[in-house]
Amino acid sequence: MYWVYILESEIYKKYYIGQTEDLEARLERHNKGRNISTRAYVPWKLKWWKEFGTRSEAVKMETRLKSIKKRDNIEKFVLQNNFRGIAQSG
């Protein structure tokens, strides 16, 4: 299984969209600063996630989400697509 997810920086209120095979481990890596593109905005909270059967499906959704450029539109997507709550690893 593959996951597409949206993270929000708790301090800077920025969003990050990604996909992974292991959502919990990926969130941990983001919050430990092991990702160059998210390191400066730690800590991150999980805003939305969805599971997919194949990586191809996950990549398509990730690409679709990354095409959303405005913060308001990302927030609208989260609200309209079964906001999953805030979950943290650990």
Protein backbone atom coordinates (compact mmCIF):
# COMPACT_ATOMS: atom_id res chain seq x y z
CA MET A 1 0.00 0.00 0.00
CA TYR A 2 1.02 3.57 -0.67
CA TRP A 3 -0.04 6.76 1.05
CA VAL A 4 -0.49 10.30 -0.19
CA TYR A 5 -0.37 12.87 2.58
CA ILE A 6 -0.54 16.57 3.36
CA LEU A 7 1.57 17.94 6.20
CA GLU A 8 1.26 21.36 7.79
CA SER A 9 4.13 23.11 9.56
CA GLU A 10 2.87 23.86 13.06
CA ILE A 11 4.92 27.06 13.34
CA TYR A 12 5.15 28.39 9.79
CA LYS A 13 1.73 27.21 8.52
CA LYS A 14 3.21 25.88 5.28
CA TYR A 15 1.96 22.75 3.54
CA TYR A 16 3.93 19.83 2.17
CA ILE A 17 2.46 17.12 -0.08
CA GLY A 18 4.10 13.74 -0.55
CA GLN A 19 3.64 10.00 -1.01
CA THR A 20 5.21 7.03 0.71
CA GLU A 21 4.93 3.32 1.50
CA ASP A 22 5.30 3.89 5.26
CA LEU A 23 3.37 6.93 6.46
CA GLU A 24 4.41 6.75 10.12
CA ALA A 25 8.13 6.43 9.32
CA ARG A 26 7.90 9.20 6.72
CA LEU A 27 6.29 11.62 9.19
CA GLU A 28 9.02 10.80 11.69
CA ARG A 29 11.72 11.54 9.08
CA HIS A 30 10.11 14.90 8.30
CA ASN A 31 9.97 15.84 11.98
CA LYS A 32 13.57 14.79 12.62
CA GLY A 33 14.77 17.09 9.83
CA ARG A 34 15.87 14.28 7.51
CA ASN A 35 14.19 15.82 4.46
CA ILE A 36 15.98 18.82 2.96
CA SER A 37 12.83 20.47 1.64
CA THR A 38 10.96 20.30 4.97
CA ARG A 39 13.78 20.61 7.50
CA ALA A 40 13.39 24.37 8.03
CA TYR A 41 9.71 24.10 8.95
CA VAL A 42 9.72 21.42 11.68
CA PRO A 43 7.52 20.39 13.45
CA TRP A 44 4.96 18.99 11.01
CA LYS A 45 1.50 17.64 11.69
CA LEU A 46 -0.42 15.30 9.44
CA LYS A 47 -3.47 17.10 8.02
CA TRP A 48 -4.79 14.58 5.50
CA TRP A 49 -3.87 11.17 4.12
CA LYS A 50 -5.27 8.55 1.80
CA GLU A 51 -4.19 4.99 1.06
CA PHE A 52 -3.76 3.67 -2.50
CA GLY A 53 -3.25 0.16 -3.80
CA THR A 54 -0.42 1.03 -6.19
CA ARG A 55 2.38 3.55 -6.34
CA SER A 56 1.10 4.69 -9.73
CA GLU A 57 -2.25 5.70 -8.19
CA ALA A 58 -0.49 7.47 -5.33
CA VAL A 59 1.80 9.41 -7.68
CA LYS A 60 -1.20 10.54 -9.74
CA MET A 61 -2.93 11.88 -6.63
CA GLU A 62 0.27 13.50 -5.36
CA THR A 63 0.70 15.25 -8.72
CA ARG A 64 -2.92 16.41 -8.64
CA LEU A 65 -2.52 17.82 -5.13
CA LYS A 66 0.77 19.52 -5.95
CA SER A 67 -0.99 21.34 -8.78
CA ILE A 68 -3.08 23.15 -6.14
CA LYS A 69 -1.04 26.29 -5.55
CA LYS A 70 -3.12 28.36 -3.16
CA ARG A 71 -3.26 27.61 0.55
CA ASP A 72 -7.01 28.28 0.64
CA ASN A 73 -7.56 25.67 -2.07
CA ILE A 74 -5.51 23.06 -0.21
CA GLU A 75 -7.54 23.73 2.94
CA LYS A 76 -10.75 23.47 0.92
CA PHE A 77 -9.60 20.12 -0.51
CA VAL A 78 -8.87 18.78 2.98
CA LEU A 79 -12.30 19.82 4.25
CA GLN A 80 -14.15 18.43 1.23
CA ASN A 81 -12.28 15.13 1.12
CA ASN A 82 -12.81 13.53 4.50
CA PHE A 83 -10.39 15.43 6.71
CA ARG A 84 -8.66 12.64 8.59
CA GLY A 85 -7.85 14.52 11.78
CA ILE A 86 -4.47 15.20 13.25
CA ALA A 87 -2.30 12.16 13.88
CA GLN A 88 1.28 12.01 14.99
CA SER A 89 3.69 9.11 14.95
CA GLY A 90 4.98 7.72 18.20
